[in-house]
Amino acid sequence: MVTIRDVARYAGVSPATVSRVVNGLTGYSTSTQLRVEEAVLALNYEPDSLARGLKTKQSAVIGVLAPLVSDALASEIMSGVESAARSRGYSVMLGRTGLGSEHAAGYLRTLRTYRAAGVILISAAITADMRRALGSAIPLVSVAIRDGLRFPSLAIDDERAAYDGTRYLIGLGHRHIGLLAGDPQSVLVNTVRERGYLRAMAEAGLPAVLEQGNSLYDSAPPALGRLLRRDPLLTAVFALSDEMAAAVVNDLQRLGRRVPEDVSVLGFDNTRTARHVHPALSTIAQPLEKMGELAVERLLAGTDLRPRILPHRLVERGSTTQVPPG
């Protein structure tokens, strides 16, 4: 029988680190997490959380499939998931998107072997191959994305949220508003948010200027450069993640543009990133930790299959202002 020490030896880490990764705790790097996950899959390791499952046909494990642990949105949702799971006697096993469908399918097959109580998808779409790997008996709940899903979901009205954010900037007097979107191929919700921006701009009779990043910090400066070349008169940028918005603020300052005096910047999500940039970001807030808590509740209840729309709100901070007259 494979033990935690075997997994630790295979991954080149301590047994304590294996325990932290398997139970969804913190205190390890992304590369360490990847090595442990690969060792678990390669050795078919079954942790102690399976003990209950041998009798009940269901283990005390909840799987979570999410972007990289460095992703601010996923990290804050995970805080809610972990808190709610532990209070109910469940451990969390984290898998990551962005490493290819084969890796995700392997992770889901492992959850099936573990007899997981269910799987929570954070800002991630599930392919047919992934669903087959998981099987039909294990329930799914999706968080922060809802379009086209056939299982329970918890999300804000993303189109309305982007519409409201754009209308807010228009209300401040901005007429040249660029949108910095995420990659629609990686997160379907980006396309939904784009629709909200485009609708608000069309209703106001304003030209839409849109460029795509990938929702992460490093993708924003090149996309901002393209926006400014397309419309040198931009007075506002609406970035569809706080990480991209923070990068926009820093890059505008590098270019000698003052935020918000020359260019207002609006983010999306209200993650910790929004509070740690200067000036602090105005942003569209999602109830991220609450989403994680509710996902665990719905997963374990297993009775309500309807999508649930949660409220969003505008948080005004120092990165946006009225357009000066004249």
Protein backbone atom coordinates (compact mmCIF):
# COMPACT_ATOMS: atom_id res chain seq x y z
CA MET A 1 0.00 0.00 0.00
CA VAL A 2 1.33 3.43 -0.95
CA THR A 3 2.01 5.67 2.06
CA ILE A 4 2.44 9.40 2.46
CA ARG A 5 6.19 8.80 2.83
CA ASP A 6 6.27 7.12 -0.59
CA VAL A 7 4.60 10.18 -2.12
CA ALA A 8 7.00 12.50 -0.31
CA ARG A 9 10.02 10.52 -1.55
CA TYR A 10 8.69 10.51 -5.14
CA ALA A 11 8.05 14.27 -5.07
CA GLY A 12 11.25 15.14 -3.20
CA VAL A 13 9.45 16.87 -0.33
CA SER A 14 8.59 16.14 3.29
CA PRO A 15 5.52 14.12 4.37
CA ALA A 16 4.23 17.28 6.06
CA THR A 17 4.31 19.10 2.72
CA VAL A 18 2.41 16.26 1.04
CA SER A 19 -0.22 16.52 3.78
CA ARG A 20 -0.59 20.27 3.26
CA VAL A 21 -1.02 19.90 -0.51
CA VAL A 22 -3.48 16.98 -0.32
CA ASN A 23 -5.58 18.78 2.29
CA GLY A 24 -5.62 22.10 0.42
CA LEU A 25 -3.59 24.04 2.99
CA THR A 26 -1.07 26.80 2.25
CA GLY A 27 2.67 27.08 2.77
CA TYR A 28 4.15 25.65 -0.44
CA SER A 29 5.15 26.90 -3.88
CA THR A 30 3.37 26.26 -7.16
CA SER A 31 6.20 23.99 -8.33
CA THR A 32 6.00 21.97 -5.11
CA GLN A 33 2.25 21.58 -5.52
CA LEU A 34 2.74 20.31 -9.07
CA ARG A 35 5.34 17.72 -7.97
CA VAL A 36 3.07 16.42 -5.21
CA GLU A 37 0.04 16.25 -7.51
CA GLU A 38 2.07 14.30 -10.08
CA ALA A 39 3.30 11.92 -7.37
CA VAL A 40 -0.25 11.33 -6.09
CA LEU A 41 -1.43 10.53 -9.61
CA ALA A 42 1.57 8.35 -10.48
CA LEU A 43 1.42 6.28 -7.29
CA ASN A 44 -2.39 6.18 -6.97
CA TYR A 45 -2.02 7.41 -3.41
CA GLU A 46 -5.19 7.27 -1.27
CA PRO A 47 -5.02 9.50 1.83
CA ASP A 48 -6.64 8.83 5.20
CA SER A 49 -9.66 10.91 4.18
CA LEU A 50 -10.80 7.81 2.27
CA ALA A 51 -11.40 5.87 5.47
CA ARG A 52 -14.95 7.12 5.81
CA GLY A 53 -15.54 6.40 2.13
CA LEU A 54 -14.83 2.70 2.54
CA LYS A 55 -18.01 2.44 4.61
CA THR A 56 -20.20 5.18 3.13
CA LYS A 57 -19.11 4.96 -0.54
CA GLN A 58 -18.17 8.63 -0.25
CA SER A 59 -15.00 10.12 1.20
CA ALA A 60 -14.51 13.27 3.24
CA VAL A 61 -12.70 14.89 0.29
CA ILE A 62 -13.93 17.82 -1.79
CA GLY A 63 -12.07 18.42 -5.02
CA VAL A 64 -11.44 21.93 -6.33
CA LEU A 65 -10.33 22.63 -9.90
CA ALA A 66 -9.01 26.18 -10.12
CA PRO A 67 -6.45 28.42 -11.83
CA LEU A 68 -2.93 28.69 -10.39
CA VAL A 69 -2.79 29.32 -6.64
CA SER A 70 -1.23 32.73 -7.44
CA ASP A 71 -4.49 33.79 -9.12
CA ALA A 72 -5.98 36.36 -6.73
CA LEU A 73 -9.63 35.59 -7.52
CA ALA A 74 -9.22 31.83 -7.10
CA SER A 75 -7.22 32.32 -3.91
CA GLU A 76 -9.97 34.32 -2.24
CA ILE A 77 -12.71 31.91 -3.32
CA MET A 78 -10.54 29.06 -1.99
CA SER A 79 -10.46 30.75 1.43
CA GLY A 80 -14.23 30.41 1.60
CA VAL A 81 -14.15 26.82 0.32
CA GLU A 82 -11.55 25.73 2.87
CA SER A 83 -13.33 27.40 5.78
CA ALA A 84 -16.71 25.86 4.94
CA ALA A 85 -15.23 22.42 4.19
CA ARG A 86 -13.23 22.18 7.41
CA SER A 87 -16.17 23.27 9.54
CA ARG A 88 -18.04 20.25 8.14
CA GLY A 89 -15.20 17.77 8.59
CA TYR A 90 -14.04 17.67 4.96
CA SER A 91 -10.58 18.16 3.48
CA VAL A 92 -9.91 19.89 0.17
CA MET A 93 -7.81 18.51 -2.68
CA LEU A 94 -6.76 21.18 -5.15
CA GLY A 95 -6.12 20.64 -8.85
CA ARG A 96 -5.23 23.32 -11.38
CA THR A 97 -6.40 24.38 -14.78
CA GLY A 98 -3.95 25.77 -17.30
CA LEU A 99 -1.79 22.64 -17.40
CA GLY A 100 -3.70 20.96 -20.21
CA SER A 101 -6.87 18.89 -20.39
CA GLU A 102 -4.91 15.64 -19.87
CA HIS A 103 -3.63 16.83 -16.49
CA ALA A 104 -7.11 18.00 -15.47
CA ALA A 105 -8.68 14.70 -16.56
CA GLY A 106 -6.07 12.78 -14.56
CA TYR A 107 -6.84 14.86 -11.49
CA LEU A 108 -10.57 14.18 -11.90
CA ARG A 109 -9.98 10.44 -12.32
CA THR A 110 -8.10 10.53 -9.03
CA LEU A 111 -11.07 12.23 -7.36
CA ARG A 112 -13.29 9.49 -8.73
CA THR A 113 -10.98 6.88 -7.20
CA TYR A 114 -11.05 8.80 -3.92
CA ARG A 115 -14.88 8.69 -3.98
CA ALA A 116 -14.86 12.47 -3.56
CA ALA A 117 -17.98 14.05 -2.12
CA GLY A 118 -17.99 16.46 -5.03
CA VAL A 119 -15.99 18.88 -7.16
CA ILE A 120 -16.02 22.68 -7.20
CA LEU A 121 -14.93 24.41 -10.41
CA ILE A 122 -13.53 27.91 -9.90
CA SER A 123 -13.69 30.13 -12.99
CA ALA A 124 -13.16 27.09 -15.20
CA ALA A 125 -15.05 25.32 -17.96
CA ILE A 126 -15.26 21.53 -18.01
CA THR A 127 -14.76 19.59 -21.22
CA ALA A 128 -16.55 16.39 -22.22
CA ASP A 129 -13.32 14.43 -21.62
CA MET A 130 -13.03 15.87 -18.13
CA ARG A 131 -16.65 15.02 -17.32
CA ARG A 132 -16.14 11.43 -18.50
CA ALA A 133 -13.02 11.15 -16.36
CA LEU A 134 -14.97 12.24 -13.30
CA GLY A 135 -18.03 10.10 -13.97
CA SER A 136 -21.67 10.97 -13.48
CA ALA A 137 -22.02 10.00 -9.81
CA ILE A 138 -19.90 12.82 -8.37
CA PRO A 139 -21.69 16.18 -8.16
CA LEU A 140 -20.28 19.41 -9.54
CA VAL A 141 -20.76 23.05 -8.55
CA SER A 142 -19.33 25.92 -10.58
CA VAL A 143 -18.20 29.21 -9.07
CA ALA A 144 -17.68 32.53 -10.92
CA ILE A 145 -18.85 31.20 -14.29
CA ARG A 146 -22.30 30.07 -15.38
CA ASP A 147 -22.84 30.32 -19.15
CA GLY A 148 -23.68 27.01 -20.83
CA LEU A 149 -23.44 24.87 -17.69
CA ARG A 150 -25.72 21.94 -16.90
CA PHE A 151 -25.00 21.76 -13.19
CA PRO A 152 -25.38 24.17 -10.23
CA SER A 153 -23.51 27.46 -10.42
CA LEU A 154 -22.82 30.48 -8.26
CA ALA A 155 -21.91 33.69 -10.05
CA ILE A 156 -22.75 37.34 -10.42
CA ASP A 157 -24.54 38.64 -13.50
CA ASP A 158 -21.28 39.30 -15.34
CA GLU A 159 -22.83 41.07 -18.31
CA ARG A 160 -24.76 43.42 -16.05
CA ALA A 161 -21.68 44.02 -13.88
CA ALA A 162 -19.56 45.05 -16.88
CA TYR A 163 -22.45 47.17 -18.16
CA ASP A 164 -22.73 48.91 -14.78
CA GLY A 165 -18.97 49.51 -14.64
CA THR A 166 -18.98 51.06 -18.10
CA ARG A 167 -22.03 53.21 -17.26
CA TYR A 168 -20.21 54.40 -14.13
CA LEU A 169 -17.27 55.64 -16.22
CA ILE A 170 -19.64 57.27 -18.71
CA GLY A 171 -21.36 58.97 -15.78
CA LEU A 172 -18.01 60.47 -14.76
CA GLY A 173 -17.88 62.19 -18.15
CA HIS A 174 -15.57 59.76 -19.96
CA ARG A 175 -16.18 59.37 -23.69
CA HIS A 176 -13.02 57.50 -24.69
CA ILE A 177 -13.16 54.29 -22.64
CA GLY A 178 -10.99 51.31 -23.52
CA LEU A 179 -11.75 47.76 -22.38
CA LEU A 180 -8.93 45.42 -21.40
CA ALA A 181 -10.55 41.98 -21.58
CA GLY A 182 -9.38 38.50 -20.69
CA ASP A 183 -8.89 35.62 -23.09
CA PRO A 184 -12.35 34.28 -24.07
CA GLN A 185 -10.81 30.90 -24.93
CA SER A 186 -9.60 30.36 -21.36
CA VAL A 187 -12.50 31.80 -19.34
CA LEU A 188 -15.91 31.96 -20.99
CA VAL A 189 -17.08 34.71 -18.67
CA ASN A 190 -14.81 37.20 -20.43
CA THR A 191 -17.04 37.08 -23.51
CA VAL A 192 -20.09 37.74 -21.34
CA ARG A 193 -18.44 40.78 -19.74
CA GLU A 194 -17.41 42.12 -23.12
CA ARG A 195 -21.09 42.13 -24.11
CA GLY A 196 -21.92 44.34 -21.14
CA TYR A 197 -19.25 46.88 -22.10
CA LEU A 198 -20.28 46.88 -25.75
CA ARG A 199 -23.96 47.36 -24.87
CA ALA A 200 -23.25 50.33 -22.59
CA MET A 201 -21.00 52.00 -25.17
CA ALA A 202 -23.54 51.45 -27.97
CA GLU A 203 -26.38 52.90 -25.89
CA ALA A 204 -24.29 56.00 -25.21
CA GLY A 205 -23.29 56.33 -28.88
CA LEU A 206 -19.61 55.97 -28.01
CA PRO A 207 -16.90 54.09 -29.93
CA ALA A 208 -15.81 50.80 -28.37
CA VAL A 209 -12.08 50.08 -28.17
CA LEU A 210 -11.22 46.60 -26.91
CA GLU A 211 -7.99 44.65 -26.50
CA GLN A 212 -7.39 41.26 -24.93
CA GLY A 213 -4.96 40.18 -22.24
CA ASN A 214 -5.25 36.92 -20.31
CA SER A 215 -6.54 38.32 -16.98
CA LEU A 216 -3.04 38.21 -15.43
CA TYR A 217 -0.66 41.05 -14.59
CA ASP A 218 1.98 40.50 -17.27
CA SER A 219 -0.51 40.53 -20.14
CA ALA A 220 -1.78 44.04 -19.41
CA PRO A 221 1.09 46.36 -20.49
CA PRO A 222 1.24 45.10 -24.12
CA ALA A 223 -2.56 45.25 -24.37
CA LEU A 224 -2.57 48.77 -22.89
CA GLY A 225 -0.05 49.84 -25.52
CA ARG A 226 -2.37 48.58 -28.25
CA LEU A 227 -5.32 50.43 -26.70
CA LEU A 228 -3.40 53.72 -26.59
CA ARG A 229 -2.27 53.35 -30.19
CA ARG A 230 -5.85 52.75 -31.31
CA ASP A 231 -7.22 55.69 -29.30
CA PRO A 232 -4.61 58.18 -28.05
CA LEU A 233 -7.45 60.20 -26.45
CA LEU A 234 -8.36 57.49 -23.93
CA THR A 235 -9.34 58.94 -20.55
CA ALA A 236 -10.47 55.67 -18.95
CA VAL A 237 -9.51 51.98 -19.01
CA PHE A 238 -11.84 49.27 -17.73
CA ALA A 239 -9.78 46.13 -17.02
CA LEU A 240 -11.73 42.92 -16.45
CA SER A 241 -9.53 41.75 -13.58
CA ASP A 242 -7.86 43.60 -10.74
CA GLU A 243 -4.50 42.10 -11.66
CA MET A 244 -4.66 43.63 -15.13
CA ALA A 245 -5.96 46.92 -13.70
CA ALA A 246 -3.02 47.10 -11.28
CA ALA A 247 -0.61 46.58 -14.17
CA VAL A 248 -2.39 49.31 -16.15
CA VAL A 249 -1.97 51.77 -13.25
CA ASN A 250 1.74 51.01 -12.97
CA ASP A 251 2.35 51.16 -16.71
CA LEU A 252 0.45 54.43 -17.15
CA GLN A 253 2.59 55.96 -14.42
CA ARG A 254 5.71 54.67 -16.16
CA LEU A 255 4.51 56.42 -19.32
CA GLY A 256 4.07 59.70 -17.45
CA ARG A 257 0.25 59.51 -17.31
CA ARG A 258 -1.30 60.36 -13.96
CA VAL A 259 -3.96 58.09 -12.46
CA PRO A 260 -6.71 59.24 -12.17
CA GLU A 261 -6.03 62.83 -13.29
CA ASP A 262 -5.11 61.84 -16.86
CA VAL A 263 -6.58 58.34 -17.10
CA SER A 264 -9.10 56.67 -14.79
CA VAL A 265 -8.70 52.91 -14.23
CA LEU A 266 -11.50 50.55 -13.17
CA GLY A 267 -10.85 46.95 -12.15
CA PHE A 268 -13.01 43.88 -11.63
CA ASP A 269 -13.34 41.40 -8.69
CA ASN A 270 -12.28 43.48 -5.63
CA THR A 271 -9.44 41.14 -4.71
CA ARG A 272 -6.66 42.08 -2.30
CA THR A 273 -4.72 43.34 -5.32
CA ALA A 274 -7.17 46.24 -5.64
CA ARG A 275 -6.20 47.54 -2.22
CA HIS A 276 -2.45 47.12 -2.60
CA VAL A 277 -1.84 49.28 -5.68
CA HIS A 278 -1.43 53.09 -5.53
CA PRO A 279 -3.82 54.69 -6.03
CA ALA A 280 -6.12 51.93 -4.77
CA LEU A 281 -8.41 50.56 -7.45
CA SER A 282 -12.03 51.38 -7.99
CA THR A 283 -13.49 48.02 -8.98
CA ILE A 284 -16.56 45.88 -9.50
CA ALA A 285 -16.78 43.68 -6.41
CA GLN A 286 -17.75 40.01 -6.35
CA PRO A 287 -18.50 38.29 -2.99
CA LEU A 288 -15.58 35.92 -3.49
CA GLU A 289 -15.22 34.22 -0.09
CA LYS A 290 -19.00 33.94 0.21
CA MET A 291 -19.06 32.20 -3.19
CA GLY A 292 -16.64 29.59 -1.86
CA GLU A 293 -18.68 29.00 1.29
CA LEU A 294 -21.96 28.69 -0.62
CA ALA A 295 -20.35 26.31 -3.12
CA VAL A 296 -19.54 23.84 -0.34
CA GLU A 297 -23.05 24.17 1.11
CA ARG A 298 -24.72 23.49 -2.24
CA LEU A 299 -22.35 20.67 -3.10
CA LEU A 300 -23.05 18.79 0.11
CA ALA A 301 -26.79 19.53 0.11
CA GLY A 302 -27.11 18.24 -3.46
CA THR A 303 -30.74 19.29 -3.85
CA ASP A 304 -30.83 22.67 -5.61
CA LEU A 305 -29.66 22.48 -9.22
CA ARG A 306 -30.70 26.01 -10.19
CA PRO A 307 -28.08 28.66 -11.03
CA ARG A 308 -27.81 31.26 -8.28
CA ILE A 309 -27.03 34.88 -9.16
CA LEU A 310 -25.18 36.76 -6.43
CA PRO A 311 -25.04 40.57 -6.12
CA HIS A 312 -22.17 42.68 -7.42
CA ARG A 313 -21.37 46.23 -6.36
CA LEU A 314 -19.17 49.14 -7.33
CA VAL A 315 -16.35 50.00 -4.92
CA GLU A 316 -15.00 53.51 -5.50
CA ARG A 317 -11.41 54.19 -4.55
CA GLY A 318 -8.69 56.49 -5.83
CA SER A 319 -8.13 55.26 -9.39
CA THR A 320 -11.21 56.92 -10.97
CA THR A 321 -12.43 60.51 -11.14
CA GLN A 322 -14.59 62.94 -13.10
CA VAL A 323 -13.28 64.13 -16.45
CA PRO A 324 -12.14 67.77 -16.01
CA PRO A 325 -14.38 70.27 -17.85
CA GLY A 326 -13.15 71.77 -21.09
